[in-house]
Every structure is written in structure tokens, then in C-alpha cells.
């Protein structure tokens, strides 16, 4: 009885700690909820097979900046891994400050992600802007992700952010080519591959995110290469060079302590 009373007295003497703990638990619950909403809304969305040709004045079928269809299957891995990470964070790391730091931006990116497929169908331009906001939040979450328990925290967020890096520039390239801002679809593909590779290299070199981030980028670049062999060999080779270069950079970059 005296022990219980002592604990209660200590809690009353440190209300700030109680508030921090309650806030961290709330954010852990919100992160799980965001992950579940992300998955549910994405699967409930109308089937999206790319932008329609009538949505942009100079749109073409299968623009060269777009990866081959099966590359998008990585979303299944991303969804499951993010859900496992969020669940583990709630059950085992709800009060951990290092886990808590990434939760707001990660939850925000996932909530926006749940709406993306619903937006992409009617509005390619808004979808392109939307996914860059998702990317910014995912990169912020990656920067804040804890180093400990890498496979349950930093790795799933890295895979998510890596794929979003590629997807953002793919979306931008399709829109720029579709509206004639860049007249040649091949030039649009070249430009977006280079820009995505620069961003990915900067993230890999500065944040040292671990292998999941460049793996997702490399997967996307390989998908672009496969989609272009036989029609735009130059685009395919550029994508492969970018993927290999990013892999070499990751290999040479010192690991986080």
C-alpha cells in the first residue's frame, strides 16, 4: 500500500513526464491508425492503371519515365512492413523518445498516401504535388527514425521513402511530358532519372539511411530500364547506370554508429 502510494505521489510530482508519456502513446496509436488507413484506402480506391490519355493534351501511353507494371508490387511489401513497424512501436516502444520522433511525419505521409490514388484519377497535377509532400514527410521521418532495431524502424521507413523518391519524379515526368512542358517524353525521362538519382544520392550520403532506401530506388530504376529495353535503350541504360551508381554509393558510405 505504501509502495503504491509512493508511485502515485511521484506521478503527481512529475506531471510533465506523465504528459510526455501520454502524448507518445497517443502518437503511437495514431501511427498504427494511419498505417491501417493507408492500406485500407489504397486497396479500396478505384483501380488506377496510370493517367488517361484525355487528361493531358500531349499524354502518351506508357511514357518512358514509367516503370514496368510489376515494379509497383513493392507496395505490398511497404504496406505490410509499415504496419508491422507501427504495431511493434505501439506494443513495445510506445514511450520511447527515439521512436516517437518519427511518428508525426510518418503518420502524415501515410495519411496523405491513403488519399493519393483517389486524387490521381481525376487530377494528375494535384497528384504530382501531393506525392512530393508525401516524400518530404517520409524523408523527415527517415531522418528521425531510430538506429536501434533497424529492421523494425529505419528499414521500413527507408523502403517507403526510397520508393516515394522514385515515384515522385515519375509522376512529375509524366505530367511535364503530358502537358508539353518538356516536349520529348524521352528527355522528360532522362531529366527525371537524373533528378531522382541526385536526390537519392544526397539522402544516401547525408542521412545514411541503410540499405532499404537505395534498394527501393534501385528497384524503381530497374523497372524503368526493363520498360524501355527495345524502345528507348538510352533511357534504359541511364536508369541502370543510376541504379548501379546508387548501390556503389551506399556500399562506400560509412554506416551509422
Protein backbone atom coordinates (compact mmCIF):
# COMPACT_ATOMS: atom_id res chain seq x y z
CA UNK A 1 0.00 0.00 0.00
CA UNK A 2 2.80 2.35 0.88
CA UNK A 3 4.61 1.43 -2.35
CA UNK A 4 1.53 2.20 -4.45
CA UNK A 5 1.06 5.48 -2.65
CA UNK A 6 4.69 6.34 -3.29
CA UNK A 7 4.27 5.75 -7.01
CA UNK A 8 1.17 7.92 -7.08
CA UNK A 9 2.97 10.67 -5.18
CA UNK A 10 5.88 10.51 -7.65
CA UNK A 11 3.48 10.75 -10.59
CA UNK A 12 1.85 13.78 -9.03
CA UNK A 13 5.26 15.39 -8.53
CA UNK A 14 6.19 14.89 -12.21
CA UNK A 15 3.12 15.80 -14.31
CA UNK A 16 5.31 16.77 -17.27
CA UNK A 17 6.59 13.22 -17.57
CA UNK A 18 3.04 11.87 -17.47
CA UNK A 19 2.06 14.27 -20.22
CA UNK A 20 5.02 13.22 -22.37
CA UNK A 21 4.22 9.54 -21.90
CA UNK A 22 0.54 10.05 -22.71
CA UNK A 23 1.45 12.09 -25.79
CA UNK A 24 3.87 9.43 -27.01
CA UNK A 25 1.25 6.70 -26.58
CA UNK A 26 -1.29 8.79 -28.46
CA UNK A 27 1.14 9.27 -31.35
CA UNK A 28 1.90 5.54 -31.39
CA UNK A 29 -1.82 4.80 -31.67
CA UNK A 30 -2.21 7.42 -34.41
CA UNK A 31 0.68 5.87 -36.35
CA UNK A 32 -0.95 2.44 -36.28
CA UNK A 33 -4.27 4.00 -37.30
CA UNK A 34 -2.57 5.89 -40.14
CA UNK A 35 -0.90 2.70 -41.39
CA UNK A 36 -4.20 0.82 -41.36
CA UNK A 37 -5.98 3.70 -43.12
CA UNK A 38 -3.18 3.91 -45.69
CA UNK A 39 -3.61 0.25 -46.58
CA UNK A 40 -7.41 0.20 -46.47
CA UNK A 41 -7.91 3.36 -48.53
CA UNK A 42 -5.33 2.30 -51.10
CA UNK A 43 -7.00 -1.07 -51.69
CA UNK A 44 -10.47 0.47 -51.67
CA UNK A 45 -9.54 3.10 -54.25
CA UNK A 46 -10.69 2.80 -57.87
CA UNK A 47 -8.32 0.71 -59.97
CA UNK A 48 -5.57 3.06 -61.17
CA UNK A 49 -3.58 1.94 -64.21
CA UNK A 50 -1.99 5.29 -64.96
CA UNK A 51 -3.34 8.59 -66.20
CA UNK A 52 -5.84 8.56 -69.06
CA UNK A 53 -4.72 9.99 -72.38
CA UNK A 54 -7.55 12.55 -72.33
CA UNK A 55 -6.31 14.06 -69.04
CA UNK A 56 -3.32 15.81 -70.62
CA UNK A 57 -3.01 17.38 -74.08
CA UNK A 58 0.20 15.57 -75.06
CA UNK A 59 -0.13 12.41 -72.99
CA UNK A 60 1.16 9.15 -74.46
CA UNK A 61 0.55 5.56 -73.49
CA UNK A 62 3.37 4.04 -71.44
CA UNK A 63 5.63 7.09 -71.07
CA UNK A 64 9.31 6.08 -70.88
CA UNK A 65 9.72 7.50 -67.36
CA UNK A 66 7.22 4.95 -66.01
CA UNK A 67 8.50 1.62 -64.59
CA UNK A 68 7.25 -1.73 -65.82
CA UNK A 69 3.96 -2.76 -64.21
CA UNK A 70 5.20 -5.44 -61.82
CA UNK A 71 7.60 -2.96 -60.17
CA UNK A 72 4.61 -1.48 -58.35
CA UNK A 73 4.17 -4.76 -56.46
CA UNK A 74 6.68 -3.35 -53.97
CA UNK A 75 3.73 -1.53 -52.41
CA UNK A 76 2.60 -4.81 -50.85
CA UNK A 77 5.92 -5.11 -49.01
CA UNK A 78 5.81 -1.45 -47.99
CA UNK A 79 2.27 -1.70 -46.60
CA UNK A 80 2.97 -4.83 -44.57
CA UNK A 81 6.33 -3.63 -43.23
CA UNK A 82 4.98 -0.23 -42.18
CA UNK A 83 2.07 -1.90 -40.39
CA UNK A 84 4.41 -4.30 -38.56
CA UNK A 85 6.66 -1.38 -37.61
CA UNK A 86 3.78 0.73 -36.33
CA UNK A 87 2.34 -2.20 -34.38
CA UNK A 88 5.68 -3.00 -32.78
CA UNK A 89 6.16 0.66 -31.93
CA UNK A 90 2.81 0.73 -30.15
CA UNK A 91 3.23 -2.54 -28.27
CA UNK A 92 6.91 -2.32 -27.35
CA UNK A 93 8.16 1.22 -27.93
CA UNK A 94 5.14 3.43 -27.22
CA UNK A 95 7.03 5.52 -24.66
CA UNK A 96 10.45 5.51 -26.37
CA UNK A 97 11.59 9.01 -27.29
CA UNK A 98 13.70 7.82 -30.24
CA UNK A 99 10.71 6.05 -31.80
CA UNK A 100 8.38 8.93 -31.01
CA UNK A 101 10.38 11.47 -33.02
CA UNK A 102 9.47 9.94 -36.38
CA UNK A 103 5.78 9.37 -35.73
CA UNK A 104 4.18 12.69 -36.72
CA UNK A 105 5.82 12.94 -40.17
CA UNK A 106 5.42 9.22 -40.84
CA UNK A 107 1.73 9.26 -39.91
CA UNK A 108 1.23 12.38 -42.03
CA UNK A 109 2.86 10.80 -45.06
CA UNK A 110 0.76 7.64 -44.70
CA UNK A 111 -2.48 9.59 -44.31
CA UNK A 112 -1.70 11.54 -47.48
CA UNK A 113 -0.78 8.26 -49.15
CA UNK A 114 -4.20 6.84 -48.39
CA UNK A 115 -5.77 9.65 -50.41
CA UNK A 116 -3.30 9.63 -53.31
CA UNK A 117 -4.99 7.03 -55.52
CA UNK A 118 -8.31 8.81 -55.09
CA UNK A 119 -6.70 12.07 -56.23
CA UNK A 120 -4.55 10.68 -59.04
CA UNK A 121 -7.52 9.54 -61.12
CA UNK A 122 -9.17 12.93 -61.56
CA UNK A 123 -6.16 15.27 -61.19
CA UNK A 124 -2.63 14.42 -62.41
CA UNK A 125 -1.24 17.83 -61.40
CA UNK A 126 -2.57 17.69 -57.85
CA UNK A 127 -1.35 14.09 -57.58
CA UNK A 128 2.18 15.17 -58.56
CA UNK A 129 2.22 17.91 -55.93
CA UNK A 130 0.62 15.59 -53.36
CA UNK A 131 3.23 12.87 -53.71
CA UNK A 132 6.09 15.34 -53.24
CA UNK A 133 4.52 16.38 -49.92
CA UNK A 134 4.34 12.68 -49.02
CA UNK A 135 8.01 12.34 -49.93
CA UNK A 136 9.06 15.33 -47.82
CA UNK A 137 7.28 13.92 -44.77
CA UNK A 138 8.67 10.42 -45.37
CA UNK A 139 12.22 11.78 -45.61
CA UNK A 140 11.72 13.73 -42.39
CA UNK A 141 10.50 10.53 -40.71
CA UNK A 142 13.50 8.65 -42.11
CA UNK A 143 15.88 11.27 -40.75
CA UNK A 144 14.27 10.92 -37.31
CA UNK A 145 13.94 7.12 -37.34
CA UNK A 146 15.88 5.35 -34.58
CA UNK A 147 19.06 3.43 -35.35
CA UNK A 148 18.28 0.64 -32.90
CA UNK A 149 16.02 -2.16 -34.12
CA UNK A 150 16.86 -1.18 -37.68
CA UNK A 151 14.64 -3.79 -39.33
CA UNK A 152 11.57 -2.61 -37.42
CA UNK A 153 12.03 1.15 -37.72
CA UNK A 154 14.56 2.62 -40.10
CA UNK A 155 14.32 -0.09 -42.76
CA UNK A 156 10.55 0.04 -43.44
CA UNK A 157 10.56 3.83 -43.42
CA UNK A 158 13.58 3.78 -45.74
CA UNK A 159 11.85 1.45 -48.19
CA UNK A 160 8.79 3.72 -48.17
CA UNK A 161 10.85 6.89 -48.66
CA UNK A 162 13.01 5.29 -51.35
CA UNK A 163 10.04 4.25 -53.44
CA UNK A 164 8.40 7.65 -52.95
CA UNK A 165 11.59 9.34 -54.19
CA UNK A 166 11.31 7.45 -57.46
CA UNK A 167 7.52 7.69 -57.69
CA UNK A 168 7.54 11.45 -57.15
CA UNK A 169 9.81 12.09 -60.10
CA UNK A 170 7.97 9.55 -62.25
CA UNK A 171 4.73 11.41 -61.55
CA UNK A 172 6.39 14.75 -62.28
CA UNK A 173 7.91 13.44 -65.51
CA UNK A 174 4.56 12.13 -66.75
CA UNK A 175 2.89 15.48 -66.02
CA UNK A 176 5.67 17.60 -67.56
CA UNK A 177 5.63 15.49 -70.70
CA UNK A 178 1.86 15.19 -70.80
CA UNK A 179 1.35 18.95 -70.71
CA UNK A 180 4.14 19.62 -73.20
CA UNK A 181 6.34 21.49 -70.72
CA UNK A 182 9.06 19.06 -71.77
CA UNK A 183 8.20 18.23 -75.37
CA UNK A 184 10.07 14.95 -75.70
CA UNK A 185 8.97 12.09 -73.41
CA UNK A 186 12.50 10.69 -73.65
CA UNK A 187 14.01 13.97 -72.46
CA UNK A 188 11.48 14.03 -69.62
CA UNK A 189 12.57 10.52 -68.64
CA UNK A 190 16.25 11.48 -68.76
CA UNK A 191 15.66 14.59 -66.66
CA UNK A 192 13.59 12.81 -64.02
CA UNK A 193 16.02 9.89 -63.71
CA UNK A 194 18.90 12.31 -63.18
CA UNK A 195 16.97 14.41 -60.65
CA UNK A 196 15.75 11.37 -58.73
CA UNK A 197 19.26 9.94 -58.66
CA UNK A 198 20.68 13.23 -57.34
CA UNK A 199 18.10 13.37 -54.54
CA UNK A 200 18.63 9.70 -53.69
CA UNK A 201 22.40 10.13 -53.66
CA UNK A 202 22.10 13.12 -51.34
CA UNK A 203 19.80 11.22 -48.98
CA UNK A 204 22.09 8.17 -49.02
CA UNK A 205 25.22 10.21 -48.40
CA UNK A 206 23.84 12.60 -45.79
CA UNK A 207 21.23 10.59 -43.87
CA UNK A 208 22.95 7.21 -44.27
CA UNK A 209 19.54 5.53 -44.22
CA UNK A 210 20.67 1.93 -44.57
CA UNK A 211 20.11 -0.40 -47.49
CA UNK A 212 16.32 -0.31 -47.74
CA UNK A 213 16.22 3.23 -49.16
CA UNK A 214 18.61 2.66 -52.11
CA UNK A 215 17.08 -0.79 -52.63
CA UNK A 216 13.66 0.76 -53.29
CA UNK A 217 15.19 3.35 -55.60
CA UNK A 218 17.18 0.67 -57.40
CA UNK A 219 14.03 -1.42 -57.82
CA UNK A 220 12.24 1.53 -59.43
CA UNK A 221 15.18 2.30 -61.71
CA UNK A 222 15.41 -1.35 -62.76
CA UNK A 223 11.68 -1.19 -63.53
CA UNK A 224 12.25 1.84 -65.75
CA UNK A 225 15.10 0.05 -67.50
CA UNK A 226 13.00 -3.06 -68.17
CA UNK A 227 10.15 -0.94 -69.51
CA UNK A 228 12.46 0.73 -72.03
CA UNK A 229 14.62 -2.04 -73.45
CA UNK A 230 13.58 -2.49 -77.06
CA UNK A 231 12.17 1.01 -77.48
CA UNK A 232 14.34 3.59 -75.65
CA UNK A 233 17.65 1.88 -74.97
CA UNK A 234 19.28 5.15 -73.90
CA UNK A 235 16.70 5.62 -71.14
CA UNK A 236 17.13 2.00 -70.04
CA UNK A 237 20.92 2.32 -69.84
CA UNK A 238 20.71 5.60 -67.93
CA UNK A 239 18.37 4.01 -65.39
CA UNK A 240 20.71 1.05 -64.95
CA UNK A 241 23.75 3.30 -64.54
CA UNK A 242 21.87 5.34 -61.93
CA UNK A 243 20.86 2.18 -60.04
CA UNK A 244 24.39 0.79 -60.03
CA UNK A 245 25.85 4.15 -59.05
CA UNK A 246 23.45 4.46 -56.14
CA UNK A 247 24.33 0.95 -54.99
CA UNK A 248 28.04 1.74 -55.11
CA UNK A 249 27.49 4.96 -53.17
CA UNK A 250 25.57 3.09 -50.48
CA UNK A 251 28.33 0.47 -50.27
CA UNK A 252 31.02 3.13 -49.85
CA UNK A 253 29.07 5.30 -47.40
CA UNK A 254 30.02 4.66 -43.74
CA UNK A 255 27.27 3.02 -41.74
CA UNK A 256 25.62 4.86 -38.88
CA UNK A 257 27.10 4.03 -35.49
